[in-house]
């Protein structure tokens, strides 16, 4: 997922925050995990904690994994996802 796609989703959620407060906060959590994943590489290598590399890789892909899960749930008609048009 590109930064532009993440920005468009965030912009849509900010515009519709009153209608979708849970989605808004979940997306913020995904972005927080994404930042933790990117920032965590430096301490992991500095302190030779290479065991953290797989976890950091998953954290870096958290927004993509979340958006993919939402898309599949939307297509299966288990969950409605209005911000897919922003993706």
N, C-alpha and C. Protein backbone atom coordinates (compact mmCIF):
# COMPACT_ATOMS: atom_id res chain seq x y z
N UNK A 1 0.85 -1.16 0.00
CA UNK A 1 0.00 0.00 0.00
C UNK A 1 0.90 1.23 0.00
N UNK A 2 0.57 2.17 -0.85
CA UNK A 2 1.39 3.38 -0.95
C UNK A 2 0.96 4.41 0.10
N UNK A 3 1.82 5.37 0.32
CA UNK A 3 1.49 6.45 1.26
C UNK A 3 0.27 7.22 0.78
N UNK A 4 0.13 7.38 -0.53
CA UNK A 4 -1.02 8.10 -1.07
C UNK A 4 -2.33 7.35 -0.77
N UNK A 5 -2.30 6.03 -0.90
CA UNK A 5 -3.49 5.24 -0.57
C UNK A 5 -3.83 5.35 0.91
N UNK A 6 -2.81 5.28 1.76
CA UNK A 6 -3.06 5.41 3.20
C UNK A 6 -3.61 6.80 3.52
N UNK A 7 -3.09 7.81 2.84
CA UNK A 7 -3.56 9.18 3.07
C UNK A 7 -5.02 9.32 2.63
N UNK A 8 -5.38 8.74 1.48
CA UNK A 8 -6.75 8.85 1.00
C UNK A 8 -7.73 8.18 1.96
N UNK A 9 -7.35 7.02 2.49
CA UNK A 9 -8.22 6.35 3.46
C UNK A 9 -8.34 7.20 4.71
N UNK A 10 -7.23 7.72 5.20
CA UNK A 10 -7.25 8.56 6.40
C UNK A 10 -8.10 9.81 6.18
N UNK A 11 -7.96 10.43 5.01
CA UNK A 11 -8.74 11.63 4.68
C UNK A 11 -10.24 11.31 4.67
N UNK A 12 -10.60 10.15 4.08
CA UNK A 12 -12.01 9.75 4.04
C UNK A 12 -12.52 9.53 5.46
N UNK A 13 -11.74 8.86 6.28
CA UNK A 13 -12.16 8.59 7.65
C UNK A 13 -12.27 9.87 8.48
N UNK A 14 -11.39 10.82 8.25
CA UNK A 14 -11.49 12.10 8.96
C UNK A 14 -12.77 12.82 8.54
N UNK A 15 -13.07 12.79 7.25
CA UNK A 15 -14.29 13.44 6.76
C UNK A 15 -15.56 12.78 7.27
N UNK A 16 -15.51 11.48 7.57
CA UNK A 16 -16.69 10.73 8.00
C UNK A 16 -16.55 10.21 9.43
N UNK A 17 -15.76 10.90 10.23
CA UNK A 17 -15.46 10.44 11.59
C UNK A 17 -16.72 10.28 12.44
N UNK A 18 -17.67 11.18 12.30
CA UNK A 18 -18.89 11.08 13.11
C UNK A 18 -19.72 9.85 12.76
N UNK A 19 -19.70 9.45 11.50
CA UNK A 19 -20.48 8.30 11.06
C UNK A 19 -19.78 6.97 11.34
N UNK A 20 -18.44 6.99 11.37
CA UNK A 20 -17.66 5.76 11.51
C UNK A 20 -16.56 5.92 12.57
N UNK A 21 -16.90 6.13 13.83
CA UNK A 21 -15.85 6.39 14.83
C UNK A 21 -14.96 5.18 15.10
N UNK A 22 -15.51 3.98 15.06
CA UNK A 22 -14.69 2.79 15.34
C UNK A 22 -13.68 2.58 14.23
N UNK A 23 -14.12 2.70 12.99
CA UNK A 23 -13.21 2.56 11.86
C UNK A 23 -12.11 3.61 11.91
N UNK A 24 -12.47 4.81 12.31
CA UNK A 24 -11.50 5.90 12.42
C UNK A 24 -10.40 5.52 13.40
N UNK A 25 -10.77 5.02 14.56
CA UNK A 25 -9.78 4.67 15.58
C UNK A 25 -9.00 3.41 15.21
N UNK A 26 -9.64 2.46 14.54
CA UNK A 26 -8.92 1.28 14.08
C UNK A 26 -7.85 1.65 13.06
N UNK A 27 -8.19 2.56 12.15
CA UNK A 27 -7.20 2.98 11.16
C UNK A 27 -6.04 3.71 11.83
N UNK A 28 -6.33 4.53 12.83
CA UNK A 28 -5.26 5.18 13.58
C UNK A 28 -4.36 4.14 14.25
N UNK A 29 -4.95 3.09 14.78
CA UNK A 29 -4.16 2.02 15.40
C UNK A 29 -3.27 1.34 14.35
N UNK A 30 -3.80 1.11 13.15
CA UNK A 30 -3.00 0.49 12.09
C UNK A 30 -1.83 1.40 11.70
N UNK A 31 -2.08 2.70 11.63
CA UNK A 31 -1.01 3.63 11.30
C UNK A 31 0.04 3.69 12.41
N UNK A 32 -0.42 3.58 13.66
CA UNK A 32 0.52 3.57 14.78
C UNK A 32 1.41 2.32 14.71
N UNK A 33 0.81 1.17 14.40
CA UNK A 33 1.59 -0.06 14.27
C UNK A 33 2.59 0.05 13.11
N UNK A 34 2.16 0.68 12.03
CA UNK A 34 3.02 0.87 10.86
C UNK A 34 4.25 1.70 11.24
N UNK A 35 4.03 2.78 11.98
CA UNK A 35 5.15 3.64 12.41
C UNK A 35 6.06 2.88 13.37
N UNK A 36 5.48 2.14 14.29
CA UNK A 36 6.29 1.35 15.22
C UNK A 36 7.16 0.36 14.45
N UNK A 37 6.58 -0.26 13.43
CA UNK A 37 7.34 -1.21 12.61
C UNK A 37 8.54 -0.55 11.94
N UNK A 38 8.34 0.64 11.38
CA UNK A 38 9.45 1.33 10.70
C UNK A 38 10.50 1.84 11.69
N UNK A 39 10.04 2.41 12.78
CA UNK A 39 10.97 3.00 13.75
C UNK A 39 11.71 1.92 14.53
N UNK A 40 11.12 0.76 14.68
CA UNK A 40 11.72 -0.30 15.48
C UNK A 40 12.95 -0.95 14.87
N UNK A 41 13.19 -0.74 13.58
CA UNK A 41 14.35 -1.38 12.96
C UNK A 41 15.67 -0.90 13.54
N UNK A 42 15.79 0.39 13.77
CA UNK A 42 17.06 0.93 14.28
C UNK A 42 17.42 0.34 15.65
N UNK A 43 16.50 0.35 16.64
CA UNK A 43 16.86 -0.27 17.92
C UNK A 43 17.09 -1.78 17.80
N UNK A 44 16.34 -2.44 16.93
CA UNK A 44 16.52 -3.88 16.78
C UNK A 44 17.93 -4.21 16.29
N UNK A 45 18.41 -3.46 15.32
CA UNK A 45 19.76 -3.72 14.84
C UNK A 45 20.82 -3.19 15.78
N UNK A 46 20.56 -2.09 16.45
CA UNK A 46 21.53 -1.52 17.39
C UNK A 46 21.78 -2.48 18.55
N UNK A 47 20.70 -3.06 19.06
CA UNK A 47 20.82 -3.96 20.21
C UNK A 47 20.87 -5.43 19.80
N UNK A 48 21.07 -5.67 18.51
CA UNK A 48 21.20 -7.02 17.95
C UNK A 48 20.03 -7.91 18.34
N UNK A 49 18.85 -7.35 18.29
CA UNK A 49 17.63 -8.10 18.59
C UNK A 49 16.98 -8.52 17.27
N UNK A 50 17.67 -9.36 16.54
CA UNK A 50 17.18 -9.77 15.23
C UNK A 50 15.93 -10.64 15.31
N UNK A 51 15.62 -11.14 16.49
CA UNK A 51 14.38 -11.88 16.68
C UNK A 51 13.16 -10.98 16.43
N UNK A 52 13.35 -9.68 16.54
CA UNK A 52 12.24 -8.74 16.35
C UNK A 52 11.95 -8.45 14.88
N UNK A 53 12.83 -8.84 13.98
CA UNK A 53 12.67 -8.52 12.56
C UNK A 53 11.35 -9.04 11.98
N UNK A 54 10.94 -10.30 12.22
CA UNK A 54 9.66 -10.75 11.68
C UNK A 54 8.47 -9.96 12.23
N UNK A 55 8.51 -9.64 13.51
CA UNK A 55 7.44 -8.85 14.11
C UNK A 55 7.39 -7.46 13.50
N UNK A 56 8.53 -6.85 13.30
CA UNK A 56 8.58 -5.52 12.70
C UNK A 56 8.07 -5.54 11.26
N UNK A 57 8.37 -6.60 10.54
CA UNK A 57 7.88 -6.73 9.16
C UNK A 57 6.35 -6.82 9.14
N UNK A 58 5.78 -7.56 10.08
CA UNK A 58 4.32 -7.66 10.16
C UNK A 58 3.72 -6.30 10.54
N UNK A 59 4.35 -5.62 11.48
CA UNK A 59 3.85 -4.30 11.88
C UNK A 59 3.90 -3.30 10.73
N UNK A 60 4.94 -3.39 9.92
CA UNK A 60 5.06 -2.48 8.78
C UNK A 60 3.96 -2.73 7.75
N UNK A 61 3.45 -3.92 7.69
CA UNK A 61 2.41 -4.23 6.72
C UNK A 61 1.01 -4.22 7.34
N UNK A 62 0.87 -3.72 8.56
CA UNK A 62 -0.42 -3.70 9.25
C UNK A 62 -1.52 -2.98 8.46
N UNK A 63 -1.29 -1.79 7.91
CA UNK A 63 -2.37 -1.14 7.14
C UNK A 63 -2.80 -1.94 5.92
N UNK A 64 -1.84 -2.54 5.24
CA UNK A 64 -2.17 -3.34 4.06
C UNK A 64 -2.97 -4.58 4.46
N UNK A 65 -2.54 -5.25 5.52
CA UNK A 65 -3.26 -6.43 5.99
C UNK A 65 -4.67 -6.08 6.43
N UNK A 66 -4.82 -4.96 7.11
CA UNK A 66 -6.14 -4.53 7.59
C UNK A 66 -7.05 -4.18 6.41
N UNK A 67 -6.52 -3.43 5.45
CA UNK A 67 -7.33 -3.05 4.29
C UNK A 67 -7.72 -4.28 3.47
N UNK A 68 -6.82 -5.23 3.33
CA UNK A 68 -7.13 -6.46 2.60
C UNK A 68 -8.20 -7.26 3.33
N UNK A 69 -8.08 -7.36 4.64
CA UNK A 69 -9.09 -8.07 5.42
C UNK A 69 -10.45 -7.40 5.28
N UNK A 70 -10.48 -6.06 5.35
CA UNK A 70 -11.74 -5.33 5.20
C UNK A 70 -12.34 -5.55 3.81
N UNK A 71 -11.50 -5.56 2.78
CA UNK A 71 -11.97 -5.77 1.42
C UNK A 71 -12.61 -7.15 1.27
N UNK A 72 -11.95 -8.17 1.81
CA UNK A 72 -12.50 -9.53 1.72
C UNK A 72 -13.80 -9.65 2.50
N UNK A 73 -13.88 -9.04 3.67
CA UNK A 73 -15.11 -9.08 4.46
C UNK A 73 -16.23 -8.32 3.75
N UNK A 74 -15.88 -7.24 3.07
CA UNK A 74 -16.87 -6.46 2.32
C UNK A 74 -17.39 -7.28 1.13
N UNK A 75 -16.49 -7.95 0.43
CA UNK A 75 -16.89 -8.75 -0.72
C UNK A 75 -17.73 -9.95 -0.31
N UNK A 76 -17.47 -10.49 0.87
CA UNK A 76 -18.26 -11.62 1.39
C UNK A 76 -19.56 -11.16 2.03
N UNK A 77 -19.79 -9.85 2.03
CA UNK A 77 -20.99 -9.23 2.61
C UNK A 77 -21.13 -9.50 4.11
N UNK A 78 -20.00 -9.62 4.80
CA UNK A 78 -20.01 -9.76 6.26
C UNK A 78 -19.84 -8.41 6.94
N UNK A 79 -19.28 -7.45 6.19
CA UNK A 79 -18.94 -6.17 6.76
C UNK A 79 -19.00 -5.13 5.65
N UNK A 80 -19.60 -4.01 5.94
CA UNK A 80 -19.67 -2.95 4.94
C UNK A 80 -18.48 -2.02 5.11
N UNK A 81 -17.83 -1.72 4.02
CA UNK A 81 -16.65 -0.87 4.09
C UNK A 81 -16.81 0.24 3.06
N UNK A 82 -17.22 1.41 3.52
CA UNK A 82 -17.47 2.54 2.64
C UNK A 82 -16.20 3.21 2.13
N UNK A 83 -15.10 3.08 2.84
CA UNK A 83 -13.88 3.78 2.43
C UNK A 83 -13.07 3.02 1.40
N UNK A 84 -13.59 1.90 0.90
CA UNK A 84 -12.87 1.17 -0.15
C UNK A 84 -12.70 2.01 -1.41
N UNK A 85 -13.63 2.91 -1.66
CA UNK A 85 -13.49 3.77 -2.83
C UNK A 85 -12.28 4.70 -2.70
N UNK A 86 -11.88 4.99 -1.48
CA UNK A 86 -10.71 5.85 -1.24
C UNK A 86 -9.42 5.11 -1.48
N UNK A 87 -9.44 3.81 -1.42
CA UNK A 87 -8.25 2.99 -1.59
C UNK A 87 -7.87 2.99 -3.01
